[in-house]
Amino acid sequence: MKTSKIILLGYMGSGKTTVGKKLKEKLNVPFWDLDDYIEQKFNSTISSIFKLRGEMYFREKERQALEDLLENDKRMIISLGGGTPCYYDNMEYLISFEDVKTFYLHADVETISKRLELEKDKRPLISHLKNMDEINDFVGKHLFERKEFYTKADFMIVTKKKSVKSIALELEKLLT
């Protein structure tokens, strides 16, 4: 594998962490979920950071954590938070590395909304939404706004009606 870092990006609930864990097994490469890394590094939950310091403070810490991981010499798989590519110059930063490959996991609004409804309380950006219609509207709007960032990825993988195993296999083939 010539690629030093494999970056999975996409909207929250698109399967980045699940696919990242499967890839870790297949490639025997360390895996980091950026949100988990942030929680460890700053000894606080993402929800607490949002609540106590606000989204822009979180985005600053998110960038610091991203830089930490990318500056590490080891090969690894990193799943980003859904908003990571959309703040600062994060996408330009990611694609500036020759040995970094970015993969946009493109999931549709309906699939994402169903997944997010089940974990709404753990997601600060959507915890205030009351029903599935509000979640669908929120997700649809965000996907539209974030598309310009996500589509800068080196590769796009449409995940609709695909198993985690088949997505991981598709991604693995793109690396060769």
N, C-alpha and C. Protein backbone atom coordinates (compact mmCIF):
# COMPACT_ATOMS: atom_id res chain seq x y z
N MET A 1 0.85 -1.19 0.00
CA MET A 1 0.00 0.00 0.00
C MET A 1 0.89 1.24 0.00
N LYS A 2 0.83 2.03 -1.04
CA LYS A 2 1.62 3.25 -1.15
C LYS A 2 1.02 4.37 -0.32
N THR A 3 -0.25 4.31 -0.10
CA THR A 3 -0.96 5.34 0.64
C THR A 3 -0.63 5.24 2.12
N SER A 4 -0.24 6.36 2.69
CA SER A 4 0.08 6.39 4.12
C SER A 4 -1.17 6.57 4.98
N LYS A 5 -2.08 7.41 4.51
CA LYS A 5 -3.31 7.68 5.27
C LYS A 5 -4.52 7.48 4.34
N ILE A 6 -5.50 6.78 4.86
CA ILE A 6 -6.77 6.58 4.17
C ILE A 6 -7.80 7.39 4.96
N ILE A 7 -8.39 8.36 4.32
CA ILE A 7 -9.35 9.26 4.98
C ILE A 7 -10.75 8.94 4.49
N LEU A 8 -11.64 8.64 5.43
CA LEU A 8 -13.04 8.40 5.11
C LEU A 8 -13.83 9.63 5.51
N LEU A 9 -14.58 10.18 4.56
CA LEU A 9 -15.39 11.35 4.86
C LEU A 9 -16.78 11.17 4.32
N GLY A 10 -17.69 11.97 4.83
CA GLY A 10 -19.09 11.91 4.45
C GLY A 10 -19.93 12.42 5.61
N TYR A 11 -21.21 12.48 5.39
CA TYR A 11 -22.10 13.01 6.42
C TYR A 11 -22.17 12.08 7.62
N MET A 12 -22.52 12.63 8.77
CA MET A 12 -22.67 11.77 9.95
C MET A 12 -23.70 10.70 9.64
N GLY A 13 -23.39 9.50 10.07
CA GLY A 13 -24.30 8.38 9.81
C GLY A 13 -24.10 7.72 8.46
N SER A 14 -23.07 8.14 7.72
CA SER A 14 -22.85 7.55 6.39
C SER A 14 -22.08 6.23 6.43
N GLY A 15 -21.58 5.86 7.59
CA GLY A 15 -20.90 4.58 7.73
C GLY A 15 -19.39 4.65 7.80
N LYS A 16 -18.85 5.84 8.00
CA LYS A 16 -17.39 6.03 7.99
C LYS A 16 -16.69 5.17 9.05
N THR A 17 -17.18 5.21 10.26
CA THR A 17 -16.55 4.46 11.34
C THR A 17 -16.69 2.96 11.14
N THR A 18 -17.87 2.51 10.75
CA THR A 18 -18.10 1.09 10.53
C THR A 18 -17.22 0.56 9.41
N VAL A 19 -17.14 1.30 8.31
CA VAL A 19 -16.29 0.90 7.18
C VAL A 19 -14.81 0.97 7.60
N GLY A 20 -14.45 1.99 8.36
CA GLY A 20 -13.07 2.12 8.83
C GLY A 20 -12.63 0.93 9.66
N LYS A 21 -13.50 0.46 10.53
CA LYS A 21 -13.18 -0.70 11.37
C LYS A 21 -13.04 -1.97 10.52
N LYS A 22 -13.87 -2.11 9.51
CA LYS A 22 -13.77 -3.26 8.61
C LYS A 22 -12.46 -3.21 7.82
N LEU A 23 -12.10 -2.02 7.35
CA LEU A 23 -10.84 -1.85 6.62
C LEU A 23 -9.64 -2.16 7.51
N LYS A 24 -9.74 -1.77 8.75
CA LYS A 24 -8.67 -2.05 9.72
C LYS A 24 -8.40 -3.56 9.76
N GLU A 25 -9.47 -4.34 9.82
CA GLU A 25 -9.34 -5.80 9.83
C GLU A 25 -8.71 -6.32 8.54
N LYS A 26 -9.18 -5.81 7.41
CA LYS A 26 -8.72 -6.31 6.11
C LYS A 26 -7.28 -5.92 5.81
N LEU A 27 -6.90 -4.69 6.16
CA LEU A 27 -5.58 -4.18 5.79
C LEU A 27 -4.55 -4.27 6.91
N ASN A 28 -5.02 -4.59 8.12
CA ASN A 28 -4.15 -4.64 9.29
C ASN A 28 -3.41 -3.31 9.49
N VAL A 29 -4.18 -2.23 9.45
CA VAL A 29 -3.67 -0.87 9.60
C VAL A 29 -4.43 -0.22 10.75
N PRO A 30 -3.77 0.56 11.61
CA PRO A 30 -4.48 1.23 12.70
C PRO A 30 -5.62 2.12 12.19
N PHE A 31 -6.67 2.22 12.99
CA PHE A 31 -7.84 3.02 12.65
C PHE A 31 -8.12 4.04 13.75
N TRP A 32 -8.41 5.27 13.34
CA TRP A 32 -8.85 6.31 14.26
C TRP A 32 -10.15 6.93 13.77
N ASP A 33 -11.10 7.02 14.67
CA ASP A 33 -12.28 7.84 14.45
C ASP A 33 -11.89 9.21 15.01
N LEU A 34 -11.95 10.25 14.21
CA LEU A 34 -11.47 11.57 14.64
C LEU A 34 -12.20 12.05 15.89
N ASP A 35 -13.49 11.81 15.98
CA ASP A 35 -14.23 12.23 17.18
C ASP A 35 -13.71 11.52 18.43
N ASP A 36 -13.43 10.22 18.32
CA ASP A 36 -12.88 9.48 19.47
C ASP A 36 -11.52 10.03 19.85
N TYR A 37 -10.71 10.33 18.84
CA TYR A 37 -9.38 10.89 19.09
C TYR A 37 -9.50 12.23 19.83
N ILE A 38 -10.43 13.07 19.40
CA ILE A 38 -10.65 14.38 20.05
C ILE A 38 -11.06 14.18 21.50
N GLU A 39 -11.98 13.26 21.74
CA GLU A 39 -12.44 13.01 23.11
C GLU A 39 -11.30 12.56 24.00
N GLN A 40 -10.42 11.72 23.48
CA GLN A 40 -9.26 11.27 24.26
C GLN A 40 -8.28 12.41 24.48
N LYS A 41 -7.97 13.11 23.42
CA LYS A 41 -6.96 14.18 23.47
C LYS A 41 -7.36 15.31 24.42
N PHE A 42 -8.64 15.68 24.40
CA PHE A 42 -9.10 16.81 25.20
C PHE A 42 -9.88 16.39 26.44
N ASN A 43 -9.93 15.07 26.67
CA ASN A 43 -10.56 14.52 27.87
C ASN A 43 -11.98 15.06 28.09
N SER A 44 -12.76 15.05 27.03
CA SER A 44 -14.13 15.55 27.08
C SER A 44 -14.93 14.94 25.94
N THR A 45 -16.23 14.80 26.14
CA THR A 45 -17.07 14.29 25.05
C THR A 45 -17.31 15.41 24.03
N ILE A 46 -17.62 15.01 22.82
CA ILE A 46 -17.94 15.98 21.78
C ILE A 46 -19.15 16.81 22.22
N SER A 47 -20.16 16.15 22.77
CA SER A 47 -21.36 16.86 23.24
C SER A 47 -21.00 17.92 24.27
N SER A 48 -20.12 17.58 25.21
CA SER A 48 -19.72 18.55 26.24
C SER A 48 -18.96 19.72 25.64
N ILE A 49 -18.08 19.43 24.71
CA ILE A 49 -17.32 20.51 24.07
C ILE A 49 -18.29 21.47 23.37
N PHE A 50 -19.25 20.92 22.62
CA PHE A 50 -20.25 21.74 21.94
C PHE A 50 -21.02 22.58 22.96
N LYS A 51 -21.49 21.91 24.01
CA LYS A 51 -22.34 22.57 24.99
C LYS A 51 -21.60 23.66 25.77
N LEU A 52 -20.38 23.36 26.20
CA LEU A 52 -19.64 24.29 27.05
C LEU A 52 -18.89 25.38 26.28
N ARG A 53 -18.38 25.04 25.10
CA ARG A 53 -17.51 25.97 24.38
C ARG A 53 -18.03 26.40 23.01
N GLY A 54 -19.01 25.66 22.46
CA GLY A 54 -19.57 26.03 21.17
C GLY A 54 -18.92 25.32 19.99
N GLU A 55 -19.61 25.41 18.85
CA GLU A 55 -19.16 24.68 17.67
C GLU A 55 -17.83 25.18 17.14
N MET A 56 -17.60 26.48 17.12
CA MET A 56 -16.36 26.99 16.53
C MET A 56 -15.14 26.58 17.35
N TYR A 57 -15.27 26.53 18.66
CA TYR A 57 -14.18 26.04 19.51
C TYR A 57 -13.91 24.57 19.17
N PHE A 58 -15.00 23.80 19.03
CA PHE A 58 -14.84 22.39 18.66
C PHE A 58 -14.12 22.27 17.32
N ARG A 59 -14.50 23.06 16.34
CA ARG A 59 -13.89 22.98 15.01
C ARG A 59 -12.39 23.29 15.07
N GLU A 60 -12.00 24.21 15.95
CA GLU A 60 -10.59 24.52 16.13
C GLU A 60 -9.85 23.30 16.70
N LYS A 61 -10.43 22.67 17.70
CA LYS A 61 -9.82 21.47 18.30
C LYS A 61 -9.82 20.30 17.31
N GLU A 62 -10.85 20.23 16.50
CA GLU A 62 -10.94 19.20 15.48
C GLU A 62 -9.79 19.34 14.48
N ARG A 63 -9.48 20.55 14.06
CA ARG A 63 -8.38 20.79 13.13
C ARG A 63 -7.05 20.39 13.78
N GLN A 64 -6.87 20.77 15.05
CA GLN A 64 -5.64 20.38 15.75
C GLN A 64 -5.47 18.86 15.78
N ALA A 65 -6.55 18.17 16.07
CA ALA A 65 -6.52 16.70 16.14
C ALA A 65 -6.21 16.11 14.76
N LEU A 66 -6.80 16.67 13.72
CA LEU A 66 -6.55 16.21 12.35
C LEU A 66 -5.07 16.39 12.00
N GLU A 67 -4.51 17.53 12.34
CA GLU A 67 -3.09 17.78 12.08
C GLU A 67 -2.22 16.77 12.84
N ASP A 68 -2.56 16.50 14.09
CA ASP A 68 -1.81 15.50 14.88
C ASP A 68 -1.75 14.16 14.16
N LEU A 69 -2.90 13.69 13.71
CA LEU A 69 -2.96 12.39 13.07
C LEU A 69 -2.22 12.37 11.73
N LEU A 70 -2.36 13.44 10.96
CA LEU A 70 -1.72 13.47 9.65
C LEU A 70 -0.21 13.64 9.75
N GLU A 71 0.26 14.25 10.83
CA GLU A 71 1.70 14.43 11.01
C GLU A 71 2.37 13.16 11.53
N ASN A 72 1.59 12.21 11.99
CA ASN A 72 2.11 10.93 12.44
C ASN A 72 2.64 10.17 11.23
N ASP A 73 3.82 9.58 11.35
CA ASP A 73 4.45 8.89 10.23
C ASP A 73 3.82 7.55 9.91
N LYS A 74 3.03 7.01 10.79
CA LYS A 74 2.49 5.67 10.61
C LYS A 74 1.32 5.67 9.61
N ARG A 75 1.17 4.52 8.93
CA ARG A 75 0.00 4.33 8.08
C ARG A 75 -1.21 4.21 8.98
N MET A 76 -2.33 4.73 8.52
CA MET A 76 -3.56 4.61 9.30
C MET A 76 -4.77 4.95 8.47
N ILE A 77 -5.91 4.55 9.01
CA ILE A 77 -7.22 4.88 8.46
C ILE A 77 -7.84 5.87 9.43
N ILE A 78 -8.39 6.95 8.90
CA ILE A 78 -9.02 7.98 9.75
C ILE A 78 -10.42 8.25 9.22
N SER A 79 -11.42 8.13 10.08
CA SER A 79 -12.77 8.56 9.69
C SER A 79 -12.99 9.94 10.30
N LEU A 80 -13.36 10.87 9.46
CA LEU A 80 -13.59 12.25 9.88
C LEU A 80 -15.00 12.43 10.41
N GLY A 81 -15.21 13.51 11.15
CA GLY A 81 -16.55 13.91 11.50
C GLY A 81 -17.22 14.44 10.23
N GLY A 82 -18.54 14.43 10.20
CA GLY A 82 -19.27 14.87 9.02
C GLY A 82 -18.96 16.29 8.59
N GLY A 83 -18.66 17.16 9.55
CA GLY A 83 -18.39 18.56 9.22
C GLY A 83 -16.93 18.89 9.00
N THR A 84 -16.04 17.96 9.34
CA THR A 84 -14.61 18.24 9.26
C THR A 84 -14.17 18.81 7.92
N PRO A 85 -14.57 18.23 6.78
CA PRO A 85 -14.10 18.76 5.49
C PRO A 85 -14.58 20.17 5.18
N CYS A 86 -15.58 20.64 5.91
CA CYS A 86 -16.27 21.89 5.57
C CYS A 86 -15.74 23.12 6.33
N TYR A 87 -14.81 22.92 7.24
CA TYR A 87 -14.32 24.04 8.05
C TYR A 87 -12.85 24.30 7.77
N TYR A 88 -12.48 25.56 8.02
CA TYR A 88 -11.13 26.03 7.71
C TYR A 88 -10.83 25.65 6.26
N ASP A 89 -9.65 25.19 6.00
CA ASP A 89 -9.30 24.70 4.67
C ASP A 89 -9.02 23.21 4.75
N ASN A 90 -9.80 22.52 5.55
CA ASN A 90 -9.52 21.11 5.84
C ASN A 90 -9.44 20.23 4.59
N MET A 91 -10.33 20.40 3.64
CA MET A 91 -10.27 19.56 2.43
C MET A 91 -9.01 19.86 1.62
N GLU A 92 -8.69 21.11 1.47
CA GLU A 92 -7.48 21.48 0.73
C GLU A 92 -6.25 20.94 1.46
N TYR A 93 -6.27 21.01 2.77
CA TYR A 93 -5.17 20.49 3.59
C TYR A 93 -5.02 18.98 3.36
N LEU A 94 -6.12 18.27 3.39
CA LEU A 94 -6.08 16.82 3.21
C LEU A 94 -5.54 16.43 1.83
N ILE A 95 -6.03 17.09 0.80
CA ILE A 95 -5.63 16.69 -0.54
C ILE A 95 -4.25 17.23 -0.93
N SER A 96 -3.65 18.04 -0.06
CA SER A 96 -2.30 18.54 -0.35
C SER A 96 -1.22 17.49 -0.09
N PHE A 97 -1.55 16.43 0.63
CA PHE A 97 -0.60 15.37 0.93
C PHE A 97 -0.60 14.34 -0.20
N GLU A 98 0.57 14.02 -0.72
CA GLU A 98 0.66 13.04 -1.80
C GLU A 98 0.28 11.64 -1.35
N ASP A 99 0.58 11.31 -0.11
CA ASP A 99 0.36 9.94 0.38
C ASP A 99 -0.96 9.77 1.13
N VAL A 100 -1.84 10.76 1.01
CA VAL A 100 -3.16 10.70 1.64
C VAL A 100 -4.21 10.50 0.55
N LYS A 101 -5.09 9.52 0.74
CA LYS A 101 -6.19 9.29 -0.20
C LYS A 101 -7.50 9.51 0.54
N THR A 102 -8.37 10.30 -0.05
CA THR A 102 -9.66 10.62 0.58
C THR A 102 -10.78 9.89 -0.15
N PHE A 103 -11.72 9.38 0.63
CA PHE A 103 -12.85 8.61 0.11
C PHE A 103 -14.15 9.17 0.68
N TYR A 104 -15.00 9.63 -0.19
CA TYR A 104 -16.31 10.15 0.21
C TYR A 104 -17.30 8.99 0.18
N LEU A 105 -17.83 8.65 1.35
CA LEU A 105 -18.88 7.63 1.44
C LEU A 105 -20.21 8.34 1.28
N HIS A 106 -20.78 8.20 0.10
CA HIS A 106 -22.01 8.90 -0.25
C HIS A 106 -23.22 8.04 0.10
N ALA A 107 -23.94 8.45 1.13
CA ALA A 107 -25.19 7.77 1.53
C ALA A 107 -26.34 8.73 1.26
N ASP A 108 -27.51 8.17 0.96
CA ASP A 108 -28.66 9.01 0.65
C ASP A 108 -29.34 9.53 1.93
N VAL A 109 -30.15 10.56 1.77
CA VAL A 109 -30.81 11.24 2.88
C VAL A 109 -31.63 10.27 3.72
N GLU A 110 -32.40 9.41 3.08
CA GLU A 110 -33.28 8.49 3.80
C GLU A 110 -32.48 7.54 4.70
N THR A 111 -31.43 6.97 4.17
CA THR A 111 -30.59 6.04 4.94
C THR A 111 -29.95 6.75 6.13
N ILE A 112 -29.38 7.90 5.87
CA ILE A 112 -28.73 8.67 6.94
C ILE A 112 -29.74 9.04 8.02
N SER A 113 -30.89 9.54 7.61
CA SER A 113 -31.91 9.97 8.57
C SER A 113 -32.36 8.82 9.47
N LYS A 114 -32.55 7.65 8.90
CA LYS A 114 -32.96 6.48 9.69
C LYS A 114 -31.91 6.13 10.73
N ARG A 115 -30.65 6.16 10.31
CA ARG A 115 -29.55 5.86 11.24
C ARG A 115 -29.46 6.91 12.34
N LEU A 116 -29.58 8.17 11.96
CA LEU A 116 -29.42 9.26 12.93
C LEU A 116 -30.57 9.32 13.94
N GLU A 117 -31.75 8.93 13.50
CA GLU A 117 -32.90 8.94 14.41
C GLU A 117 -32.61 8.06 15.63
N LEU A 118 -31.90 6.97 15.42
CA LEU A 118 -31.60 6.02 16.49
C LEU A 118 -30.54 6.53 17.47
N GLU A 119 -29.74 7.49 17.03
CA GLU A 119 -28.66 7.98 17.90
C GLU A 119 -28.68 9.50 18.06
N LYS A 120 -29.85 10.07 17.95
CA LYS A 120 -30.05 11.51 18.00
C LYS A 120 -29.45 12.16 19.25
N ASP A 121 -29.59 11.49 20.39
CA ASP A 121 -29.12 12.07 21.65
C ASP A 121 -27.59 12.19 21.71
N LYS A 122 -26.89 11.41 20.91
CA LYS A 122 -25.43 11.44 20.90
C LYS A 122 -24.87 12.41 19.86
N ARG A 123 -25.74 13.04 19.11
CA ARG A 123 -25.34 13.92 18.02
C ARG A 123 -25.77 15.35 18.32
N PRO A 124 -24.83 16.20 18.78
CA PRO A 124 -25.19 17.57 19.19
C PRO A 124 -25.89 18.40 18.11
N LEU A 125 -25.54 18.19 16.86
CA LEU A 125 -26.13 19.00 15.79
C LEU A 125 -27.60 18.69 15.53
N ILE A 126 -28.06 17.49 15.92
CA ILE A 126 -29.45 17.12 15.63
C ILE A 126 -30.27 16.80 16.87
N SER A 127 -29.68 16.92 18.05
CA SER A 127 -30.38 16.53 19.28
C SER A 127 -31.67 17.32 19.51
N HIS A 128 -31.78 18.50 18.91
CA HIS A 128 -32.96 19.35 19.09
C HIS A 128 -34.11 19.00 18.13
N LEU A 129 -33.86 18.17 17.15
CA LEU A 129 -34.89 17.86 16.15
C LEU A 129 -35.93 16.92 16.75
N LYS A 130 -37.19 17.17 16.42
CA LYS A 130 -38.29 16.47 17.10
C LYS A 130 -38.80 15.21 16.41
N ASN A 131 -38.70 15.15 15.08
CA ASN A 131 -39.28 13.99 14.38
C ASN A 131 -38.51 13.70 13.09
N MET A 132 -38.92 12.63 12.42
CA MET A 132 -38.21 12.19 11.22
C MET A 132 -38.27 13.21 10.10
N ASP A 133 -39.37 13.94 9.96
CA ASP A 133 -39.45 14.97 8.92
C ASP A 133 -38.40 16.05 9.15
N GLU A 134 -38.23 16.47 10.40
CA GLU A 134 -37.22 17.49 10.71
C GLU A 134 -35.81 16.95 10.45
N ILE A 135 -35.58 15.69 10.79
CA ILE A 135 -34.27 15.09 10.54
C ILE A 135 -34.01 15.02 9.03
N ASN A 136 -34.98 14.56 8.26
CA ASN A 136 -34.84 14.50 6.80
C ASN A 136 -34.51 15.87 6.21
N ASP A 137 -35.25 16.89 6.64
CA ASP A 137 -35.02 18.25 6.13
C ASP A 137 -33.61 18.73 6.48
N PHE A 138 -33.21 18.51 7.73
CA PHE A 138 -31.90 18.93 8.21
C PHE A 138 -30.79 18.24 7.41
N VAL A 139 -30.90 16.93 7.27
CA VAL A 139 -29.89 16.15 6.56
C VAL A 139 -29.83 16.57 5.09
N GLY A 140 -31.00 16.70 4.45
CA GLY A 140 -31.03 17.10 3.05
C GLY A 140 -30.36 18.44 2.81
N LYS A 141 -30.65 19.40 3.68
CA LYS A 141 -30.06 20.74 3.57
C LYS A 141 -28.54 20.66 3.75
N HIS A 142 -28.12 19.96 4.78
CA HIS A 142 -26.68 19.84 5.04
C HIS A 142 -25.93 19.12 3.92
N LEU A 143 -26.52 18.04 3.41
CA LEU A 143 -25.86 17.32 2.31
C LEU A 143 -25.68 18.23 1.10
N PHE A 144 -26.69 19.03 0.83
CA PHE A 144 -26.61 19.98 -0.28
C PHE A 144 -25.49 20.99 -0.04
N GLU A 145 -25.42 21.55 1.17
CA GLU A 145 -24.41 22.55 1.51
C GLU A 145 -23.00 21.97 1.51
N ARG A 146 -22.87 20.72 1.93
CA ARG A 146 -21.55 20.12 2.10
C ARG A 146 -21.03 19.39 0.86
N LYS A 147 -21.89 19.24 -0.12
CA LYS A 147 -21.53 18.50 -1.33
C LYS A 147 -20.25 19.04 -1.98
N GLU A 148 -20.11 20.37 -2.04
CA GLU A 148 -18.93 20.96 -2.67
C GLU A 148 -17.64 20.56 -1.98
N PHE A 149 -17.70 20.29 -0.69
CA PHE A 149 -16.51 19.85 0.05
C PHE A 149 -16.29 18.36 -0.12
N TYR A 150 -17.36 17.59 0.07
CA TYR A 150 -17.25 16.13 -0.02
C TYR A 150 -16.77 15.66 -1.39
N THR A 151 -17.23 16.32 -2.43
CA THR A 151 -16.89 15.86 -3.78
C THR A 151 -15.47 16.23 -4.21
N LYS A 152 -14.73 16.90 -3.34
CA LYS A 152 -13.31 17.14 -3.60
C LYS A 152 -12.47 15.91 -3.26
N ALA A 153 -13.09 14.93 -2.66
CA ALA A 153 -12.37 13.71 -2.28
C ALA A 153 -11.81 13.04 -3.53
N ASP A 154 -10.76 12.27 -3.34
CA ASP A 154 -10.14 11.55 -4.46
C ASP A 154 -11.11 10.55 -5.08
N PHE A 155 -11.93 9.92 -4.25
CA PHE A 155 -12.87 8.91 -4.72
C PHE A 155 -14.22 9.07 -4.02
N MET A 156 -15.28 8.73 -4.74
CA MET A 156 -16.61 8.70 -4.15
C MET A 156 -17.14 7.27 -4.24
N ILE A 157 -17.63 6.78 -3.12
CA ILE A 157 -18.22 5.45 -3.09
C ILE A 157 -19.69 5.61 -2.70
N VAL A 158 -20.57 5.24 -3.61
CA VAL A 158 -22.01 5.28 -3.33
C VAL A 158 -22.31 4.04 -2.49
N THR A 159 -22.90 4.25 -1.32
CA THR A 159 -23.07 3.16 -0.36
C THR A 159 -24.46 2.53 -0.38
N LYS A 160 -25.37 3.11 -1.13
CA LYS A 160 -26.76 2.64 -1.12
C LYS A 160 -26.86 1.15 -1.47
N LYS A 161 -27.54 0.43 -0.59
CA LYS A 161 -27.81 -1.00 -0.75
C LYS A 161 -26.54 -1.85 -0.84
N LYS A 162 -25.47 -1.38 -0.23
CA LYS A 162 -24.22 -2.15 -0.20
C LYS A 162 -23.90 -2.53 1.24
N SER A 163 -23.34 -3.70 1.41
CA SER A 163 -22.91 -4.14 2.73
C SER A 163 -21.60 -3.44 3.10
N VAL A 164 -21.30 -3.43 4.38
CA VAL A 164 -20.04 -2.86 4.86
C VAL A 164 -18.88 -3.60 4.20
N LYS A 165 -19.00 -4.90 4.11
CA LYS A 165 -17.94 -5.72 3.51
C LYS A 165 -17.71 -5.33 2.04
N SER A 166 -18.77 -5.14 1.28
CA SER A 166 -18.60 -4.78 -0.14
C SER A 166 -18.05 -3.36 -0.31
N ILE A 167 -18.41 -2.45 0.59
CA ILE A 167 -17.87 -1.09 0.54
C ILE A 167 -16.37 -1.13 0.83
N ALA A 168 -15.99 -1.88 1.85
CA ALA A 168 -14.58 -2.02 2.21
C ALA A 168 -13.78 -2.65 1.06
N LEU A 169 -14.36 -3.62 0.41
CA LEU A 169 -13.70 -4.28 -0.72
C LEU A 169 -13.53 -3.30 -1.89
N GLU A 170 -14.57 -2.52 -2.16
CA GLU A 170 -14.48 -1.51 -3.23
C GLU A 170 -13.38 -0.50 -2.93
N LEU A 171 -13.32 -0.06 -1.70
CA LEU A 171 -12.32 0.89 -1.28
C LEU A 171 -10.91 0.29 -1.40
N GLU A 172 -10.80 -0.95 -0.97
CA GLU A 172 -9.51 -1.64 -1.04
C GLU A 172 -9.03 -1.75 -2.49
N LYS A 173 -9.94 -2.03 -3.41
CA LYS A 173 -9.58 -2.12 -4.83
C LYS A 173 -9.10 -0.77 -5.38
N LEU A 174 -9.70 0.31 -4.90
CA LEU A 174 -9.30 1.64 -5.34
C LEU A 174 -7.90 2.01 -4.87
N LEU A 175 -7.44 1.37 -3.82
CA LEU A 175 -6.11 1.65 -3.27
C LEU A 175 -5.00 0.98 -4.08
N THR A 176 -5.36 -0.02 -4.86
CA THR A 176 -4.32 -0.75 -5.60
C THR A 176 -4.07 -0.19 -6.98
